[in-house]
Amino acid sequence: MKVSESGRAGQWDELVRPAMLGPAVAEATGDPRWCHLTATLLSGGKSNLTFLLTSPAGELVMRRPPSGELLPSAHDMGREVRVQRALASSSVPVARVVLSDDGAIVGSPCYVMERVPGHIIRDRIPDGYADTSEQRTALAFALVDVLADLHRVDPREVGLEDYGRPIGFLARQVRRWNDQWQRSRTVSVGPLEDLGRRLAERVPASPQASIVHGDFRLDNCMMDMRDPSRVRAVLDWELSTVGDPLTDLALLLFYWQEPGEPGLRLTPTVTALSGFPNRQQLAARYAQRLGVDLTDLSFHEALAHFKCAVITQGVAARVRAGTMAGQEFGDLTDEVSAIAERGLQRLEAL
């Protein structure tokens, strides 16, 4: 992970409370060296905040919600903890949870997990890493294969049979993100409101339910330090549930930019570089791995655009309120509108 350049010793103590968190981590690990830890904000984390914890005992990672008023059902640390613990024995790579707390330690629900070594790839590829077409294809297909592995996991076998409500999942998703938009909007955005209305009118039937990540993309996966074809850990499980697996695939495709397409300000990516497969190839790989029908994928892609436009607006609102630990992203109004317009184009393909 890349550490924010603005991080200074003690800067984040109000959000992390090292004097209380340190002894709790020491007790959870059985290592008293964790009694004295320091915290640094890691780059990324535009929803929940992610901190690197360091001490003479090593490094761990803590996640907690942003400060301030939060939208209902957002920033649920308990869900992240539960799903990662449930998947620990599966073929889906996840970080081991060391400690979870409902708010007594740092004043907000949080959890601490192991720091998995590897690369989080956002706007650049590390020098000498995945620099051939073969390696970039292997990296892309590794993501798709892990996603397929997740969707193969039977929720009942890992204790997640009550983790979501798969019946009516897509319709609830449309209602939820319409509601989130109404709660976070600061100005009217015609294309986004049109997209929300049209999605509500065209909800298709879902395939068999599975565990879904809810925000599956390249920079939410830790790639092996040396082997681009290996995912070391899937991160950021805040939006996970049991529901329609195609929502995960569609979101991966949304973030998978191709050459010549406009970039995303909040989530820059490297996938438009030469050598990476395109979205059609990723979808074909997924369909082949699971033997599924992708007839309704355009609806799911439109929903992914709607969801991400609303999330972008939510980030803008939190930045304006000063609850994003000093992170700034500029005026995002045009970005919200442009994402929604591309979502409307996906609906035209149905």
Protein backbone atom coordinates (compact mmCIF):
# COMPACT_ATOMS: atom_id res chain seq x y z
CA MET A 1 0.00 0.00 0.00
CA LYS A 2 1.08 3.54 -0.65
CA VAL A 3 1.22 5.78 2.41
CA SER A 4 -0.27 9.24 2.13
CA GLU A 5 2.48 11.85 1.89
CA SER A 6 0.52 14.08 4.26
CA GLY A 7 0.81 11.58 7.11
CA ARG A 8 2.70 12.90 10.17
CA ALA A 9 3.32 11.33 13.54
CA GLY A 10 0.34 11.98 15.78
CA GLN A 11 -1.74 13.60 13.03
CA TRP A 12 -4.45 10.94 13.15
CA ASP A 13 -4.54 10.30 16.90
CA GLU A 14 -8.06 11.70 17.25
CA LEU A 15 -9.39 9.14 14.76
CA VAL A 16 -7.24 6.20 15.88
CA ARG A 17 -6.72 6.82 19.65
CA PRO A 18 -3.40 4.95 19.86
CA ALA A 19 -3.36 5.08 23.67
CA MET A 20 -6.49 2.89 23.70
CA LEU A 21 -6.04 0.95 20.48
CA GLY A 22 -2.45 -0.07 21.23
CA PRO A 23 -3.23 -2.02 24.44
CA ALA A 24 -6.25 -3.64 22.76
CA VAL A 25 -4.12 -4.85 19.85
CA ALA A 26 -1.46 -6.02 22.30
CA GLU A 27 -4.04 -8.10 24.13
CA ALA A 28 -5.51 -9.51 20.89
CA THR A 29 -2.09 -10.50 19.53
CA GLY A 30 -0.44 -11.46 22.80
CA ASP A 31 2.41 -9.09 21.92
CA PRO A 32 2.96 -6.20 24.38
CA ARG A 33 5.02 -4.30 21.80
CA TRP A 34 1.72 -3.20 20.23
CA CYS A 35 0.97 -1.08 23.32
CA HIS A 36 2.85 1.75 21.64
CA LEU A 37 1.77 2.18 18.03
CA THR A 38 1.63 4.97 15.50
CA ALA A 39 -0.92 5.44 12.73
CA THR A 40 -0.63 6.85 9.22
CA LEU A 41 -3.48 7.34 6.76
CA LEU A 42 -3.09 5.14 3.70
CA SER A 43 -3.94 6.49 0.26
CA GLY A 44 -7.34 5.50 -1.07
CA GLY A 45 -10.17 4.87 1.34
CA LYS A 46 -12.71 7.34 -0.08
CA SER A 47 -15.49 5.70 1.92
CA ASN A 48 -14.02 4.15 5.05
CA LEU A 49 -10.66 5.34 6.33
CA THR A 50 -7.72 2.95 6.27
CA PHE A 51 -4.69 3.41 8.52
CA LEU A 52 -1.32 1.72 8.67
CA LEU A 53 -0.45 0.82 12.26
CA THR A 54 3.24 0.40 13.08
CA SER A 55 5.08 -0.66 16.23
CA PRO A 56 8.21 -2.60 17.13
CA ALA A 57 6.03 -5.70 16.59
CA GLY A 58 5.48 -4.93 12.90
CA GLU A 59 2.62 -3.55 10.80
CA LEU A 60 -1.14 -3.99 10.82
CA VAL A 61 -4.02 -2.17 9.10
CA MET A 62 -7.05 -0.55 10.76
CA ARG A 63 -10.31 0.43 9.07
CA ARG A 64 -12.96 2.75 10.45
CA PRO A 65 -15.71 4.99 9.06
CA PRO A 66 -15.10 8.68 8.37
CA SER A 67 -16.02 11.09 11.15
CA GLY A 68 -19.26 13.01 11.12
CA GLU A 69 -22.85 12.08 10.19
CA LEU A 70 -23.10 8.90 8.11
CA LEU A 71 -25.76 7.64 5.72
CA PRO A 72 -27.90 4.75 7.00
CA SER A 73 -26.41 1.27 6.33
CA ALA A 74 -23.13 2.77 5.07
CA HIS A 75 -19.65 2.13 6.51
CA ASP A 76 -20.60 -1.13 8.25
CA MET A 77 -17.44 -2.46 9.88
CA GLY A 78 -19.23 -5.48 11.29
CA ARG A 79 -20.07 -6.78 7.83
CA GLU A 80 -16.47 -6.47 6.69
CA VAL A 81 -15.29 -8.44 9.71
CA ARG A 82 -17.91 -11.15 9.40
CA VAL A 83 -17.38 -11.89 5.71
CA GLN A 84 -13.59 -11.90 5.95
CA ARG A 85 -13.68 -14.33 8.86
CA ALA A 86 -16.20 -16.51 7.02
CA LEU A 87 -14.07 -16.68 3.87
CA ALA A 88 -10.80 -17.35 5.72
CA SER A 89 -11.04 -21.08 4.99
CA SER A 90 -12.23 -20.70 1.39
CA SER A 91 -10.31 -20.33 -1.87
CA VAL A 92 -10.95 -16.56 -1.80
CA PRO A 93 -7.86 -14.79 -0.38
CA VAL A 94 -8.67 -12.40 2.50
CA ALA A 95 -6.65 -10.68 5.22
CA ARG A 96 -6.84 -12.22 8.70
CA VAL A 97 -8.84 -10.12 11.16
CA VAL A 98 -6.91 -9.50 14.37
CA LEU A 99 -9.37 -7.38 16.33
CA SER A 100 -12.86 -5.91 15.90
CA ASP A 101 -14.68 -3.41 18.09
CA ASP A 102 -18.12 -1.80 18.13
CA GLY A 103 -16.86 1.66 19.08
CA ALA A 104 -15.57 1.43 22.64
CA ILE A 105 -11.90 1.71 21.62
CA VAL A 106 -11.69 4.56 19.09
CA GLY A 107 -15.18 6.02 19.41
CA SER A 108 -16.40 4.38 16.20
CA PRO A 109 -16.73 0.78 15.00
CA CYS A 110 -13.39 -0.42 13.64
CA TYR A 111 -11.30 -3.47 13.01
CA VAL A 112 -7.64 -4.34 12.70
CA MET A 113 -6.30 -6.90 10.22
CA GLU A 114 -2.99 -8.24 9.10
CA ARG A 115 -1.08 -6.26 6.50
CA VAL A 116 -0.77 -8.50 3.45
CA PRO A 117 2.38 -7.82 1.43
CA GLY A 118 1.80 -6.98 -2.21
CA HIS A 119 0.89 -4.30 -4.72
CA ILE A 120 -2.30 -2.27 -4.78
CA ILE A 121 -2.39 -0.99 -8.35
CA ARG A 122 -4.19 2.29 -8.92
CA ASP A 123 -2.86 4.86 -11.37
CA ARG A 124 0.51 3.25 -12.12
CA ILE A 125 2.14 -0.14 -12.36
CA PRO A 126 5.30 -0.63 -10.29
CA ASP A 127 8.48 -0.56 -12.34
CA GLY A 128 9.33 -3.98 -13.71
CA TYR A 129 5.94 -5.44 -12.78
CA ALA A 130 3.37 -6.79 -15.25
CA ASP A 131 5.16 -5.06 -18.11
CA THR A 132 4.30 -7.57 -20.85
CA SER A 133 0.98 -8.28 -22.54
CA GLU A 134 1.08 -11.85 -21.24
CA GLN A 135 1.55 -10.70 -17.64
CA ARG A 136 -1.16 -8.06 -17.93
CA THR A 137 -3.60 -10.59 -19.31
CA ALA A 138 -2.67 -12.97 -16.50
CA LEU A 139 -3.29 -10.22 -13.94
CA ALA A 140 -6.69 -9.40 -15.41
CA PHE A 141 -7.80 -13.00 -15.58
CA ALA A 142 -6.58 -13.59 -12.01
CA LEU A 143 -9.08 -10.95 -10.88
CA VAL A 144 -11.88 -12.57 -12.84
CA ASP A 145 -10.99 -16.02 -11.54
CA VAL A 146 -11.01 -14.87 -7.91
CA LEU A 147 -14.39 -13.25 -8.50
CA ALA A 148 -15.67 -16.50 -9.98
CA ASP A 149 -14.28 -18.39 -6.97
CA LEU A 150 -16.15 -16.04 -4.64
CA HIS A 151 -19.39 -16.61 -6.52
CA ARG A 152 -18.91 -20.39 -6.23
CA VAL A 153 -18.81 -20.27 -2.44
CA ASP A 154 -22.04 -21.59 -0.92
CA PRO A 155 -23.07 -19.00 1.70
CA ARG A 156 -24.53 -21.76 3.89
CA GLU A 157 -21.23 -23.64 4.03
CA VAL A 158 -19.37 -20.64 5.47
CA GLY A 159 -22.07 -19.44 7.86
CA LEU A 160 -23.38 -16.60 5.70
CA GLU A 161 -26.82 -17.99 4.88
CA ASP A 162 -28.43 -15.00 6.63
CA TYR A 163 -25.93 -12.42 5.35
CA GLY A 164 -28.30 -10.96 2.78
CA ARG A 165 -31.78 -11.18 1.24
CA PRO A 166 -31.34 -12.48 -2.30
CA ILE A 167 -35.05 -12.42 -3.19
CA GLY A 168 -35.77 -9.02 -4.72
CA PHE A 169 -32.09 -8.07 -4.45
CA LEU A 170 -31.85 -6.05 -7.68
CA ALA A 171 -35.03 -4.07 -7.02
CA ARG A 172 -33.79 -3.22 -3.53
CA GLN A 173 -30.44 -2.14 -4.93
CA VAL A 174 -32.14 0.30 -7.27
CA ARG A 175 -34.28 1.64 -4.42
CA ARG A 176 -31.31 1.85 -2.08
CA TRP A 177 -29.12 3.84 -4.44
CA ASN A 178 -32.02 6.10 -5.38
CA ASP A 179 -32.48 6.75 -1.66
CA GLN A 180 -28.76 7.35 -1.15
CA TRP A 181 -28.86 9.86 -4.00
CA GLN A 182 -31.74 11.75 -2.41
CA ARG A 183 -29.85 11.87 0.88
CA SER A 184 -26.53 13.05 -0.54
CA ARG A 185 -27.59 15.28 -3.46
CA THR A 186 -26.67 18.92 -3.33
CA VAL A 187 -27.82 19.92 -6.84
CA SER A 188 -30.14 18.36 -9.41
CA VAL A 189 -28.37 16.05 -11.90
CA GLY A 190 -30.85 15.20 -14.66
CA PRO A 191 -29.07 12.19 -16.22
CA LEU A 192 -28.63 10.54 -12.83
CA GLU A 193 -32.27 10.99 -11.85
CA ASP A 194 -33.37 9.71 -15.29
CA LEU A 195 -31.11 6.66 -14.91
CA GLY A 196 -32.55 5.87 -11.49
CA ARG A 197 -36.12 6.03 -12.80
CA ARG A 198 -35.40 3.87 -15.84
CA LEU A 199 -33.57 1.24 -13.84
CA ALA A 200 -36.56 0.90 -11.52
CA GLU A 201 -38.77 0.19 -14.55
CA ARG A 202 -36.58 -2.55 -16.06
CA VAL A 203 -35.37 -4.83 -13.26
CA PRO A 204 -34.64 -8.32 -14.67
CA ALA A 205 -34.67 -11.65 -12.87
CA SER A 206 -31.43 -12.54 -11.08
CA PRO A 207 -29.35 -15.70 -11.47
CA GLN A 208 -28.70 -17.97 -8.48
CA ALA A 209 -27.62 -15.88 -5.50
CA SER A 210 -24.05 -15.87 -4.23
CA ILE A 211 -21.82 -13.92 -1.89
CA VAL A 212 -21.10 -10.62 -3.62
CA HIS A 213 -18.26 -8.26 -2.76
CA GLY A 214 -20.11 -5.11 -3.75
CA ASP A 215 -17.05 -3.09 -4.82
CA PHE A 216 -14.85 -5.53 -6.72
CA ARG A 217 -12.10 -3.88 -8.78
CA LEU A 218 -8.35 -3.94 -9.34
CA ASP A 219 -7.38 -1.53 -6.57
CA ASN A 220 -9.47 -3.41 -4.02
CA CYS A 221 -7.24 -6.43 -4.52
CA MET A 222 -3.70 -6.95 -3.25
CA MET A 223 -1.59 -8.45 -6.03
CA ASP A 224 1.41 -10.66 -5.32
CA MET A 225 4.70 -8.73 -5.14
CA ARG A 226 6.34 -10.83 -7.86
CA ASP A 227 3.64 -12.85 -9.60
CA PRO A 228 1.01 -10.72 -11.42
CA SER A 229 -1.18 -13.80 -11.90
CA ARG A 230 -1.82 -14.16 -8.15
CA VAL A 231 -4.24 -12.18 -5.97
CA ARG A 232 -2.95 -12.16 -2.38
CA ALA A 233 -6.05 -10.63 -0.76
CA VAL A 234 -9.42 -9.13 -1.67
CA LEU A 235 -9.97 -6.00 0.42
CA ASP A 236 -12.76 -3.51 1.29
CA TRP A 237 -15.78 -5.73 2.00
CA GLU A 238 -18.01 -2.91 3.25
CA LEU A 239 -20.74 -3.46 0.64
CA SER A 240 -20.68 -7.27 0.64
CA THR A 241 -23.90 -9.28 0.94
CA VAL A 242 -25.67 -12.29 -0.58
CA GLY A 243 -27.34 -11.35 -3.84
CA ASP A 244 -26.95 -11.13 -7.61
CA PRO A 245 -23.37 -12.06 -8.63
CA LEU A 246 -23.60 -10.17 -11.92
CA THR A 247 -23.56 -6.91 -9.97
CA ASP A 248 -19.95 -7.72 -9.05
CA LEU A 249 -18.96 -8.50 -12.62
CA ALA A 250 -20.65 -5.34 -13.89
CA LEU A 251 -18.82 -3.21 -11.34
CA LEU A 252 -15.48 -4.71 -12.32
CA LEU A 253 -16.27 -3.85 -15.94
CA PHE A 254 -17.29 -0.30 -14.97
CA TYR A 255 -13.88 0.36 -13.43
CA TRP A 256 -12.07 -1.44 -16.28
CA GLN A 257 -11.26 1.52 -18.52
CA GLU A 258 -10.30 0.93 -22.14
CA PRO A 259 -8.01 3.03 -24.39
CA GLY A 260 -9.48 6.41 -25.34
CA GLU A 261 -12.15 6.44 -22.62
CA PRO A 262 -12.42 9.26 -20.08
CA GLY A 263 -10.79 8.41 -16.78
CA LEU A 264 -12.46 8.33 -13.38
CA ARG A 265 -11.21 11.02 -10.99
CA LEU A 266 -11.80 9.06 -7.81
CA THR A 267 -10.52 5.73 -9.12
CA PRO A 268 -7.72 6.18 -11.67
CA THR A 269 -6.65 2.92 -13.23
CA VAL A 270 -4.01 1.41 -15.48
CA THR A 271 -6.25 -0.87 -17.52
CA ALA A 272 -6.34 1.45 -20.54
CA LEU A 273 -2.64 0.76 -21.07
CA SER A 274 -1.62 -1.55 -23.90
CA GLY A 275 -1.58 -5.25 -23.15
CA PHE A 276 -4.64 -5.43 -20.92
CA PRO A 277 -7.66 -7.38 -22.21
CA ASN A 278 -10.87 -5.45 -22.83
CA ARG A 279 -14.18 -5.70 -20.98
CA GLN A 280 -15.62 -8.16 -23.47
CA GLN A 281 -12.72 -10.54 -22.84
CA LEU A 282 -13.15 -10.27 -19.08
CA ALA A 283 -16.86 -11.01 -19.33
CA ALA A 284 -16.18 -13.98 -21.60
CA ARG A 285 -13.63 -15.35 -19.12
CA TYR A 286 -16.16 -15.07 -16.29
CA ALA A 287 -18.94 -16.70 -18.30
CA GLN A 288 -16.62 -19.56 -19.25
CA ARG A 289 -15.44 -20.11 -15.68
CA LEU A 290 -18.96 -20.30 -14.26
CA GLY A 291 -21.02 -21.34 -17.26
CA VAL A 292 -23.48 -18.46 -16.83
CA ASP A 293 -25.73 -16.49 -19.16
CA LEU A 294 -24.81 -12.80 -19.49
CA THR A 295 -27.91 -11.74 -21.44
CA ASP A 296 -28.92 -9.14 -18.84
CA LEU A 297 -25.43 -7.83 -18.17
CA SER A 298 -26.19 -4.44 -19.76
CA PHE A 299 -28.75 -3.76 -17.01
CA HIS A 300 -26.20 -4.65 -14.37
CA GLU A 301 -23.63 -2.39 -16.03
CA ALA A 302 -26.14 0.49 -16.04
CA LEU A 303 -26.81 -0.16 -12.35
CA ALA A 304 -23.06 -0.10 -11.70
CA HIS A 305 -22.87 3.34 -13.32
CA PHE A 306 -25.79 4.56 -11.21
CA LYS A 307 -24.26 3.23 -8.01
CA CYS A 308 -20.85 4.75 -8.73
CA ALA A 309 -22.31 8.11 -9.67
CA VAL A 310 -24.14 8.19 -6.32
CA ILE A 311 -20.99 7.14 -4.47
CA THR A 312 -19.08 9.92 -6.22
CA GLN A 313 -21.69 12.41 -5.06
CA GLY A 314 -21.43 11.01 -1.53
CA VAL A 315 -17.67 11.52 -1.52
CA ALA A 316 -18.15 15.10 -2.73
CA ALA A 317 -20.61 15.75 0.09
CA ARG A 318 -18.26 14.31 2.74
CA VAL A 319 -15.32 16.34 1.43
CA ARG A 320 -17.47 19.47 1.60
CA ALA A 321 -18.38 18.59 5.20
CA GLY A 322 -14.73 18.07 6.13
CA THR A 323 -15.11 14.42 7.19
CA MET A 324 -12.58 12.82 4.81
CA ALA A 325 -9.40 13.34 6.86
CA GLY A 326 -8.32 16.26 4.67
CA GLN A 327 -8.59 14.46 1.32
CA GLU A 328 -9.61 16.67 -1.63
CA PHE A 329 -10.91 15.67 -5.07
CA GLY A 330 -12.13 18.94 -6.59
CA ASP A 331 -15.62 19.62 -7.98
CA LEU A 332 -17.17 16.27 -8.87
CA THR A 333 -20.52 17.47 -10.28
CA ASP A 334 -19.53 16.97 -13.93
CA GLU A 335 -18.11 13.54 -13.09
CA VAL A 336 -21.42 12.45 -11.56
CA SER A 337 -23.35 13.57 -14.65
CA ALA A 338 -20.92 11.95 -17.11
CA ILE A 339 -21.05 8.59 -15.31
CA ALA A 340 -24.85 8.68 -15.35
CA GLU A 341 -24.94 9.45 -19.07
CA ARG A 342 -22.74 6.43 -19.79
CA GLY A 343 -25.11 4.34 -17.68
CA LEU A 344 -28.02 5.47 -19.82
CA GLN A 345 -26.11 4.33 -22.89
CA ARG A 346 -25.80 0.85 -21.35
CA LEU A 347 -29.59 0.68 -20.95
CA GLU A 348 -29.99 1.44 -24.65
CA ALA A 349 -28.14 -1.82 -25.36
CA LEU A 350 -30.95 -3.87 -23.79
